[in-house]
């Protein structure tokens, strides 16, 4: 959040970041039976939630998500893996 707000000169919301993000979040039941080709077991629930939530973008700085296998796996499910700055650039282009 700090990185994005600094780069794009945005005001950080007065509420804690968690509350700010949760206001636009949706809780999904992740399908944990799906095999994912990700190396870090801590990242598996994130990918499961993204798939179950049918997200368009998965915004992360985690390099485990940027392997060819994961990018291809996510893309086949309609998910584009991007970093925070690319996400903000895309949002600005749509305005």
PDB file of N, CA and C in Angstrom:
ATOM      1  N   UNK A   1       0.815  -1.178   0.000  1.00  0.00           N
ATOM      2  CA  UNK A   1       0.000   0.000   0.000  1.00  0.00           C
ATOM      3  C   UNK A   1       0.868   1.254   0.000  1.00  0.00           C
ATOM      4  N   UNK A   2       1.918   1.267   0.815  1.00  0.00           N
ATOM      5  CA  UNK A   2       2.809   2.424   0.875  1.00  0.00           C
ATOM      6  C   UNK A   2       3.495   2.616  -0.470  1.00  0.00           C
ATOM      7  N   UNK A   3       3.980   1.540  -1.064  1.00  0.00           N
ATOM      8  CA  UNK A   3       4.678   1.625  -2.345  1.00  0.00           C
ATOM      9  C   UNK A   3       3.775   2.230  -3.418  1.00  0.00           C
ATOM     10  N   UNK A   4       2.548   1.789  -3.489  1.00  0.00           N
ATOM     11  CA  UNK A   4       1.616   2.305  -4.489  1.00  0.00           C
ATOM     12  C   UNK A   4       1.303   3.770  -4.222  1.00  0.00           C
ATOM     13  N   UNK A   5       1.003   4.088  -2.979  1.00  0.00           N
ATOM     14  CA  UNK A   5       0.627   5.469  -2.676  1.00  0.00           C
ATOM     15  C   UNK A   5       1.781   6.432  -2.914  1.00  0.00           C
ATOM     16  N   UNK A   6       3.000   6.000  -2.657  1.00  0.00           N
ATOM     17  CA  UNK A   6       4.166   6.854  -2.900  1.00  0.00           C
ATOM     18  C   UNK A   6       4.394   7.038  -4.389  1.00  0.00           C
ATOM     19  N   UNK A   7       4.356   5.963  -5.144  1.00  0.00           N
ATOM     20  CA  UNK A   7       4.618   6.017  -6.580  1.00  0.00           C
ATOM     21  C   UNK A   7       3.587   6.863  -7.311  1.00  0.00           C
ATOM     22  N   UNK A   8       2.343   6.726  -6.943  1.00  0.00           N
ATOM     23  CA  UNK A   8       1.274   7.430  -7.640  1.00  0.00           C
ATOM     24  C   UNK A   8       0.783   8.675  -6.896  1.00  0.00           C
ATOM     25  N   UNK A   9       1.481   9.057  -5.837  1.00  0.00           N
ATOM     26  CA  UNK A   9       1.127  10.225  -5.041  1.00  0.00           C
ATOM     27  C   UNK A   9      -0.328  10.175  -4.578  1.00  0.00           C
ATOM     28  N   UNK A  10      -0.708   9.040  -4.034  1.00  0.00           N
ATOM     29  CA  UNK A  10      -2.077   8.855  -3.540  1.00  0.00           C
ATOM     30  C   UNK A  10      -2.119   9.068  -2.030  1.00  0.00           C
ATOM     31  N   UNK A  11      -3.244   9.495  -1.543  1.00  0.00           N
ATOM     32  CA  UNK A  11      -3.428   9.630  -0.102  1.00  0.00           C
ATOM     33  C   UNK A  11      -3.746   8.256   0.481  1.00  0.00           C
ATOM     34  N   UNK A  12      -3.095   7.930   1.575  1.00  0.00           N
ATOM     35  CA  UNK A  12      -3.389   6.672   2.265  1.00  0.00           C
ATOM     36  C   UNK A  12      -4.651   6.888   3.087  1.00  0.00           C
ATOM     37  N   UNK A  13      -5.596   5.960   3.020  1.00  0.00           N
ATOM     38  CA  UNK A  13      -6.839   6.136   3.773  1.00  0.00           C
ATOM     39  C   UNK A  13      -6.567   6.238   5.261  1.00  0.00           C
ATOM     40  N   UNK A  14      -7.432   6.965   5.974  1.00  0.00           N
ATOM     41  CA  UNK A  14      -7.228   7.156   7.402  1.00  0.00           C
ATOM     42  C   UNK A  14      -7.462   5.863   8.182  1.00  0.00           C
ATOM     43  N   UNK A  15      -8.288   4.972   7.659  1.00  0.00           N
ATOM     44  CA  UNK A  15      -8.528   3.684   8.315  1.00  0.00           C
ATOM     45  C   UNK A  15      -7.306   2.798   8.122  1.00  0.00           C
ATOM     46  N   UNK A  16      -7.105   1.842   9.019  1.00  0.00           N
ATOM     47  CA  UNK A  16      -5.999   0.901   8.816  1.00  0.00           C
ATOM     48  C   UNK A  16      -6.127   0.206   7.460  1.00  0.00           C
ATOM     49  N   UNK A  17      -4.988  -0.131   6.889  1.00  0.00           N
ATOM     50  CA  UNK A  17      -4.972  -0.733   5.546  1.00  0.00           C
ATOM     51  C   UNK A  17      -5.870  -1.955   5.458  1.00  0.00           C
ATOM     52  N   UNK A  18      -5.878  -2.794   6.480  1.00  0.00           N
ATOM     53  CA  UNK A  18      -6.712  -3.997   6.465  1.00  0.00           C
ATOM     54  C   UNK A  18      -8.187  -3.674   6.329  1.00  0.00           C
ATOM     55  N   UNK A  19      -8.640  -2.674   7.052  1.00  0.00           N
ATOM     56  CA  UNK A  19     -10.049  -2.278   6.983  1.00  0.00           C
ATOM     57  C   UNK A  19     -10.369  -1.684   5.616  1.00  0.00           C
ATOM     58  N   UNK A  20      -9.443  -0.910   5.096  1.00  0.00           N
ATOM     59  CA  UNK A  20      -9.623  -0.300   3.781  1.00  0.00           C
ATOM     60  C   UNK A  20      -9.751  -1.379   2.708  1.00  0.00           C
ATOM     61  N   UNK A  21      -8.854  -2.364   2.733  1.00  0.00           N
ATOM     62  CA  UNK A  21      -8.884  -3.429   1.729  1.00  0.00           C
ATOM     63  C   UNK A  21     -10.097  -4.333   1.902  1.00  0.00           C
ATOM     64  N   UNK A  22     -10.467  -4.613   3.126  1.00  0.00           N
ATOM     65  CA  UNK A  22     -11.593  -5.525   3.347  1.00  0.00           C
ATOM     66  C   UNK A  22     -12.919  -4.914   2.904  1.00  0.00           C
ATOM     67  N   UNK A  23     -12.989  -3.599   2.822  1.00  0.00           N
ATOM     68  CA  UNK A  23     -14.224  -2.958   2.367  1.00  0.00           C
ATOM     69  C   UNK A  23     -14.560  -3.352   0.933  1.00  0.00           C
ATOM     70  N   UNK A  24     -13.552  -3.660   0.136  1.00  0.00           N
ATOM     71  CA  UNK A  24     -13.787  -4.049  -1.246  1.00  0.00           C
ATOM     72  C   UNK A  24     -13.569  -5.533  -1.489  1.00  0.00           C
ATOM     73  N   UNK A  25     -13.410  -6.288  -0.417  1.00  0.00           N
ATOM     74  CA  UNK A  25     -13.106  -7.714  -0.537  1.00  0.00           C
ATOM     75  C   UNK A  25     -14.372  -8.560  -0.489  1.00  0.00           C
ATOM     76  N   UNK A  26     -14.255  -9.757  -1.002  1.00  0.00           N
ATOM     77  CA  UNK A  26     -15.345 -10.722  -0.956  1.00  0.00           C
ATOM     78  C   UNK A  26     -14.783 -12.035  -0.449  1.00  0.00           C
ATOM     79  N   UNK A  27     -15.452 -12.655   0.491  1.00  0.00           N
ATOM     80  CA  UNK A  27     -15.017 -13.948   1.012  1.00  0.00           C
ATOM     81  C   UNK A  27     -15.505 -15.038   0.068  1.00  0.00           C
ATOM     82  N   UNK A  28     -14.600 -15.937  -0.312  1.00  0.00           N
ATOM     83  CA  UNK A  28     -14.963 -17.042  -1.205  1.00  0.00           C
ATOM     84  C   UNK A  28     -14.598 -18.364  -0.551  1.00  0.00           C
ATOM     85  N   UNK A  29     -15.313 -19.405  -0.933  1.00  0.00           N
ATOM     86  CA  UNK A  29     -14.967 -20.761  -0.521  1.00  0.00           C
ATOM     87  C   UNK A  29     -14.008 -21.309  -1.565  1.00  0.00           C
ATOM     88  N   UNK A  30     -12.756 -21.465  -1.181  1.00  0.00           N
ATOM     89  CA  UNK A  30     -11.739 -21.922  -2.119  1.00  0.00           C
ATOM     90  C   UNK A  30     -11.818 -23.430  -2.319  1.00  0.00           C
ATOM     91  N   UNK A  31     -11.659 -23.847  -3.561  1.00  0.00           N
ATOM     92  CA  UNK A  31     -11.619 -25.267  -3.905  1.00  0.00           C
ATOM     93  C   UNK A  31     -10.190 -25.748  -3.687  1.00  0.00           C
ATOM     94  N   UNK A  32      -9.942 -26.335  -2.536  1.00  0.00           N
ATOM     95  CA  UNK A  32      -8.590 -26.764  -2.172  1.00  0.00           C
ATOM     96  C   UNK A  32      -8.198 -28.105  -2.787  1.00  0.00           C
ATOM     97  N   UNK A  33      -9.083 -28.715  -3.542  1.00  0.00           N
ATOM     98  CA  UNK A  33      -8.772 -30.006  -4.162  1.00  0.00           C
ATOM     99  C   UNK A  33      -7.996 -29.836  -5.468  1.00  0.00           C
ATOM    100  N   UNK A  34      -7.979 -28.633  -5.999  1.00  0.00           N
ATOM    101  CA  UNK A  34      -7.315 -28.363  -7.266  1.00  0.00           C
ATOM    102  C   UNK A  34      -5.799 -28.397  -7.089  1.00  0.00           C
ATOM    103  N   UNK A  35      -5.117 -29.192  -7.904  1.00  0.00           N
ATOM    104  CA  UNK A  35      -3.647 -29.239  -7.859  1.00  0.00           C
ATOM    105  C   UNK A  35      -3.097 -28.011  -8.578  1.00  0.00           C
ATOM    106  N   UNK A  36      -2.196 -27.312  -7.909  1.00  0.00           N
ATOM    107  CA  UNK A  36      -1.575 -26.135  -8.502  1.00  0.00           C
ATOM    108  C   UNK A  36      -0.068 -26.356  -8.609  1.00  0.00           C
ATOM    109  N   UNK A  37       0.551 -25.884  -9.676  1.00  0.00           N
ATOM    110  CA  UNK A  37       1.990 -26.122  -9.870  1.00  0.00           C
ATOM    111  C   UNK A  37       2.876 -25.092  -9.162  1.00  0.00           C
ATOM    112  N   UNK A  38       2.440 -24.584  -8.025  1.00  0.00           N
ATOM    113  CA  UNK A  38       3.233 -23.577  -7.324  1.00  0.00           C
ATOM    114  C   UNK A  38       4.162 -24.238  -6.309  1.00  0.00           C
ATOM    115  N   UNK A  39       5.375 -23.714  -6.194  1.00  0.00           N
ATOM    116  CA  UNK A  39       6.397 -24.349  -5.349  1.00  0.00           C
ATOM    117  C   UNK A  39       6.204 -24.116  -3.861  1.00  0.00           C
ATOM    118  N   UNK A  40       5.772 -22.942  -3.487  1.00  0.00           N
ATOM    119  CA  UNK A  40       5.651 -22.605  -2.071  1.00  0.00           C
ATOM    120  C   UNK A  40       4.269 -23.007  -1.558  1.00  0.00           C
ATOM    121  N   UNK A  41       4.201 -23.944  -0.612  1.00  0.00           N
ATOM    122  CA  UNK A  41       2.902 -24.389  -0.109  1.00  0.00           C
ATOM    123  C   UNK A  41       2.088 -23.268   0.543  1.00  0.00           C
ATOM    124  N   UNK A  42       2.748 -22.223   1.020  1.00  0.00           N
ATOM    125  CA  UNK A  42       2.029 -21.093   1.615  1.00  0.00           C
ATOM    126  C   UNK A  42       1.281 -20.278   0.567  1.00  0.00           C
ATOM    127  N   UNK A  43       1.659 -20.423  -0.701  1.00  0.00           N
ATOM    128  CA  UNK A  43       1.011 -19.681  -1.779  1.00  0.00           C
ATOM    129  C   UNK A  43      -0.191 -20.413  -2.372  1.00  0.00           C
ATOM    130  N   UNK A  44      -0.318 -21.691  -2.089  1.00  0.00           N
ATOM    131  CA  UNK A  44      -1.412 -22.490  -2.652  1.00  0.00           C
ATOM    132  C   UNK A  44      -2.785 -21.924  -2.289  1.00  0.00           C
ATOM    133  N   UNK A  45      -3.044 -21.572  -1.011  1.00  0.00           N
ATOM    134  CA  UNK A  45      -4.370 -21.019  -0.686  1.00  0.00           C
ATOM    135  C   UNK A  45      -4.666 -19.699  -1.405  1.00  0.00           C
ATOM    136  N   UNK A  46      -3.642 -18.919  -1.669  1.00  0.00           N
ATOM    137  CA  UNK A  46      -3.834 -17.654  -2.384  1.00  0.00           C
ATOM    138  C   UNK A  46      -4.304 -17.935  -3.803  1.00  0.00           C
ATOM    139  N   UNK A  47      -3.651 -18.885  -4.455  1.00  0.00           N
ATOM    140  CA  UNK A  47      -4.033 -19.243  -5.816  1.00  0.00           C
ATOM    141  C   UNK A  47      -5.417 -19.890  -5.843  1.00  0.00           C
ATOM    142  N   UNK A  48      -5.710 -20.748  -4.871  1.00  0.00           N
ATOM    143  CA  UNK A  48      -7.043 -21.361  -4.783  1.00  0.00           C
ATOM    144  C   UNK A  48      -8.122 -20.295  -4.618  1.00  0.00           C
ATOM    145  N   UNK A  49      -7.879 -19.322  -3.755  1.00  0.00           N
ATOM    146  CA  UNK A  49      -8.862 -18.258  -3.529  1.00  0.00           C
ATOM    147  C   UNK A  49      -9.055 -17.413  -4.779  1.00  0.00           C
ATOM    148  N   UNK A  50      -7.974 -17.135  -5.490  1.00  0.00           N
ATOM    149  CA  UNK A  50      -8.071 -16.345  -6.724  1.00  0.00           C
ATOM    150  C   UNK A  50      -8.902 -17.079  -7.773  1.00  0.00           C
ATOM    151  N   UNK A  51      -8.675 -18.367  -7.893  1.00  0.00           N
ATOM    152  CA  UNK A  51      -9.429 -19.169  -8.865  1.00  0.00           C
ATOM    153  C   UNK A  51     -10.897 -19.245  -8.457  1.00  0.00           C
ATOM    154  N   UNK A  52     -11.154 -19.568  -7.192  1.00  0.00           N
ATOM    155  CA  UNK A  52     -12.532 -19.693  -6.718  1.00  0.00           C
ATOM    156  C   UNK A  52     -13.272 -18.360  -6.767  1.00  0.00           C
ATOM    157  N   UNK A  53     -12.548 -17.268  -6.546  1.00  0.00           N
ATOM    158  CA  UNK A  53     -13.157 -15.949  -6.590  1.00  0.00           C
ATOM    159  C   UNK A  53     -13.279 -15.390  -7.989  1.00  0.00           C
ATOM    160  N   UNK A  54     -12.773 -16.135  -8.954  1.00  0.00           N
ATOM    161  CA  UNK A  54     -12.830 -15.745 -10.361  1.00  0.00           C
ATOM    162  C   UNK A  54     -12.312 -14.327 -10.582  1.00  0.00           C
ATOM    163  N   UNK A  55     -11.129 -14.088  -9.997  1.00  0.00           N
ATOM    164  CA  UNK A  55     -10.524 -12.763 -10.137  1.00  0.00           C
ATOM    165  C   UNK A  55      -9.966 -12.585 -11.544  1.00  0.00           C
ATOM    166  N   UNK A  56      -9.867 -11.361 -11.949  1.00  0.00           N
ATOM    167  CA  UNK A  56      -9.271 -11.039 -13.241  1.00  0.00           C
ATOM    168  C   UNK A  56      -7.762 -10.858 -13.091  1.00  0.00           C
ATOM    169  N   UNK A  57      -7.354 -10.289 -11.956  1.00  0.00           N
ATOM    170  CA  UNK A  57      -5.945 -10.040 -11.687  1.00  0.00           C
ATOM    171  C   UNK A  57      -5.562 -10.590 -10.323  1.00  0.00           C
ATOM    172  N   UNK A  58      -4.351 -11.132 -10.241  1.00  0.00           N
ATOM    173  CA  UNK A  58      -3.763 -11.489  -8.969  1.00  0.00           C
ATOM    174  C   UNK A  58      -2.545 -10.584  -8.832  1.00  0.00           C
ATOM    175  N   UNK A  59      -2.632  -9.647  -7.919  1.00  0.00           N
ATOM    176  CA  UNK A  59      -1.597  -8.622  -7.749  1.00  0.00           C
ATOM    177  C   UNK A  59      -0.647  -9.077  -6.650  1.00  0.00           C
ATOM    178  N   UNK A  60       0.619  -9.307  -7.000  1.00  0.00           N
ATOM    179  CA  UNK A  60       1.584  -9.820  -6.034  1.00  0.00           C
ATOM    180  C   UNK A  60       3.007  -9.427  -6.419  1.00  0.00           C
ATOM    181  N   UNK A  61       3.859  -9.340  -5.411  1.00  0.00           N
ATOM    182  CA  UNK A  61       5.293  -9.159  -5.630  1.00  0.00           C
ATOM    183  C   UNK A  61       6.035 -10.480  -5.414  1.00  0.00           C
ATOM    184  N   UNK A  62       5.299 -11.511  -5.041  1.00  0.00           N
ATOM    185  CA  UNK A  62       5.885 -12.825  -4.760  1.00  0.00           C
ATOM    186  C   UNK A  62       6.372 -13.475  -6.053  1.00  0.00           C
ATOM    187  N   UNK A  63       7.662 -13.747  -6.111  1.00  0.00           N
ATOM    188  CA  UNK A  63       8.271 -14.313  -7.320  1.00  0.00           C
ATOM    189  C   UNK A  63       7.776 -15.722  -7.635  1.00  0.00           C
ATOM    190  N   UNK A  64       7.237 -16.436  -6.644  1.00  0.00           N
ATOM    191  CA  UNK A  64       6.717 -17.780  -6.905  1.00  0.00           C
ATOM    192  C   UNK A  64       5.563 -17.765  -7.904  1.00  0.00           C
ATOM    193  N   UNK A  65       4.852 -16.653  -7.963  1.00  0.00           N
ATOM    194  CA  UNK A  65       3.714 -16.536  -8.874  1.00  0.00           C
ATOM    195  C   UNK A  65       4.133 -16.135 -10.285  1.00  0.00           C
ATOM    196  N   UNK A  66       5.402 -15.800 -10.469  1.00  0.00           N
ATOM    197  CA  UNK A  66       5.844 -15.267 -11.754  1.00  0.00           C
ATOM    198  C   UNK A  66       6.599 -16.274 -12.611  1.00  0.00           C
ATOM    199  N   UNK A  67       6.529 -17.544 -12.242  1.00  0.00           N
ATOM    200  CA  UNK A  67       7.145 -18.573 -13.067  1.00  0.00           C
ATOM    201  C   UNK A  67       6.267 -18.824 -14.286  1.00  0.00           C
ATOM    202  N   UNK A  68       6.861 -19.329 -15.347  1.00  0.00           N
ATOM    203  CA  UNK A  68       6.093 -19.621 -16.566  1.00  0.00           C
ATOM    204  C   UNK A  68       4.941 -20.583 -16.280  1.00  0.00           C
ATOM    205  N   UNK A  69       5.208 -21.583 -15.424  1.00  0.00           N
ATOM    206  CA  UNK A  69       4.174 -22.587 -15.124  1.00  0.00           C
ATOM    207  C   UNK A  69       2.960 -21.949 -14.439  1.00  0.00           C
ATOM    208  N   UNK A  70       3.197 -21.072 -13.480  1.00  0.00           N
ATOM    209  CA  UNK A  70       2.087 -20.447 -12.758  1.00  0.00           C
ATOM    210  C   UNK A  70       1.381 -19.412 -13.617  1.00  0.00           C
ATOM    211  N   UNK A  71       2.146 -18.614 -14.358  1.00  0.00           N
ATOM    212  CA  UNK A  71       1.532 -17.614 -15.242  1.00  0.00           C
ATOM    213  C   UNK A  71       0.625 -18.300 -16.250  1.00  0.00           C
ATOM    214  N   UNK A  72       1.090 -19.405 -16.820  1.00  0.00           N
ATOM    215  CA  UNK A  72       0.299 -20.160 -17.785  1.00  0.00           C
ATOM    216  C   UNK A  72      -0.924 -20.798 -17.120  1.00  0.00           C
ATOM    217  N   UNK A  73      -0.728 -21.389 -15.946  1.00  0.00           N
ATOM    218  CA  UNK A  73      -1.807 -22.022 -15.184  1.00  0.00           C
ATOM    219  C   UNK A  73      -2.896 -21.000 -14.868  1.00  0.00           C
ATOM    220  N   UNK A  74      -2.486 -19.828 -14.375  1.00  0.00           N
ATOM    221  CA  UNK A  74      -3.439 -18.771 -14.021  1.00  0.00           C
ATOM    222  C   UNK A  74      -4.125 -18.224 -15.271  1.00  0.00           C
ATOM    223  N   UNK A  75      -3.366 -18.010 -16.316  1.00  0.00           N
ATOM    224  CA  UNK A  75      -3.910 -17.470 -17.557  1.00  0.00           C
ATOM    225  C   UNK A  75      -4.985 -18.379 -18.137  1.00  0.00           C
ATOM    226  N   UNK A  76      -4.784 -19.676 -18.029  1.00  0.00           N
ATOM    227  CA  UNK A  76      -5.767 -20.638 -18.528  1.00  0.00           C
ATOM    228  C   UNK A  76      -7.092 -20.531 -17.768  1.00  0.00           C
ATOM    229  N   UNK A  77      -7.036 -19.908 -16.582  1.00  0.00           N
ATOM    230  CA  UNK A  77      -8.235 -19.719 -15.767  1.00  0.00           C
ATOM    231  C   UNK A  77      -8.701 -18.266 -15.763  1.00  0.00           C
ATOM    232  N   UNK A  78      -8.175 -17.484 -16.706  1.00  0.00           N
ATOM    233  CA  UNK A  78      -8.601 -16.099 -16.863  1.00  0.00           C
ATOM    234  C   UNK A  78      -7.965 -15.118 -15.902  1.00  0.00           C
ATOM    235  N   UNK A  79      -6.870 -15.520 -15.257  1.00  0.00           N
ATOM    236  CA  UNK A  79      -6.215 -14.678 -14.257  1.00  0.00           C
ATOM    237  C   UNK A  79      -4.889 -14.152 -14.805  1.00  0.00           C
ATOM    238  N   UNK A  80      -4.701 -12.842 -14.706  1.00  0.00           N
ATOM    239  CA  UNK A  80      -3.438 -12.218 -15.084  1.00  0.00           C
ATOM    240  C   UNK A  80      -2.677 -11.892 -13.812  1.00  0.00           C
ATOM    241  N   UNK A  81      -1.440 -12.357 -13.733  1.00  0.00           N
ATOM    242  CA  UNK A  81      -0.607 -12.085 -12.558  1.00  0.00           C
ATOM    243  C   UNK A  81       0.224 -10.843 -12.839  1.00  0.00           C
ATOM    244  N   UNK A  82       0.059  -9.841 -11.971  1.00  0.00           N
ATOM    245  CA  UNK A  82       0.755  -8.570 -12.147  1.00  0.00           C
ATOM    246  C   UNK A  82       1.267  -8.066 -10.797  1.00  0.00           C
ATOM    247  N   UNK A  83       2.142  -7.060 -10.848  1.00  0.00           N
ATOM    248  CA  UNK A  83       2.583  -6.449  -9.589  1.00  0.00           C
ATOM    249  C   UNK A  83       1.726  -5.219  -9.291  1.00  0.00           C
ATOM    250  N   UNK A  84       1.959  -4.633  -8.144  1.00  0.00           N
ATOM    251  CA  UNK A  84       1.120  -3.525  -7.686  1.00  0.00           C
ATOM    252  C   UNK A  84       1.191  -2.304  -8.600  1.00  0.00           C
ATOM    253  N   UNK A  85       2.358  -1.983  -9.091  1.00  0.00           N
ATOM    254  CA  UNK A  85       2.488  -0.800  -9.935  1.00  0.00           C
ATOM    255  C   UNK A  85       1.816  -0.997 -11.292  1.00  0.00           C
ATOM    256  N   UNK A  86       1.945  -2.189 -11.857  1.00  0.00           N
ATOM    257  CA  UNK A  86       1.262  -2.471 -13.129  1.00  0.00           C
ATOM    258  C   UNK A  86      -0.257  -2.418 -12.933  1.00  0.00           C
ATOM    259  N   UNK A  87      -0.726  -2.898 -11.800  1.00  0.00           N
ATOM    260  CA  UNK A  87      -2.159  -2.849 -11.510  1.00  0.00           C
ATOM    261  C   UNK A  87      -2.652  -1.405 -11.483  1.00  0.00           C
ATOM    262  N   UNK A  88      -1.906  -0.531 -10.824  1.00  0.00           N
ATOM    263  CA  UNK A  88      -2.304   0.879 -10.760  1.00  0.00           C
ATOM    264  C   UNK A  88      -2.260   1.525 -12.142  1.00  0.00           C
ATOM    265  N   UNK A  89      -1.263   1.175 -12.936  1.00  0.00           N
ATOM    266  CA  UNK A  89      -1.194   1.708 -14.308  1.00  0.00           C
ATOM    267  C   UNK A  89      -2.432   1.298 -15.101  1.00  0.00           C
ATOM    268  N   UNK A  90      -2.829   0.049 -14.957  1.00  0.00           N
ATOM    269  CA  UNK A  90      -4.018  -0.433 -15.669  1.00  0.00           C
ATOM    270  C   UNK A  90      -5.276   0.283 -15.199  1.00  0.00           C
ATOM    271  N   UNK A  91      -5.374   0.519 -13.897  1.00  0.00           N
ATOM    272  CA  UNK A  91      -6.535   1.240 -13.368  1.00  0.00           C
ATOM    273  C   UNK A  91      -6.580   2.660 -13.917  1.00  0.00           C
ATOM    274  N   UNK A  92      -5.458   3.281 -13.973  1.00  0.00           N
ATOM    275  CA  UNK A  92      -5.426   4.666 -14.490  1.00  0.00           C
ATOM    276  C   UNK A  92      -5.813   4.727 -15.959  1.00  0.00           C
ATOM    277  N   UNK A  93      -5.441   3.726 -16.738  1.00  0.00           N
ATOM    278  CA  UNK A  93      -5.785   3.715 -18.172  1.00  0.00           C
ATOM    279  C   UNK A  93      -7.278   3.564 -18.386  1.00  0.00           C
ATOM    280  N   UNK A  94      -7.968   2.953 -17.434  1.00  0.00           N
ATOM    281  CA  UNK A  94      -9.402   2.733 -17.599  1.00  0.00           C
ATOM    282  C   UNK A  94     -10.226   3.942 -17.163  1.00  0.00           C
ATOM    283  N   UNK A  95      -9.613   4.918 -16.573  1.00  0.00           N
ATOM    284  CA  UNK A  95     -10.356   6.093 -16.097  1.00  0.00           C
ATOM    285  C   UNK A  95     -10.480   7.138 -17.168  1.00  0.00           C
TER     286      UNK A  95
END
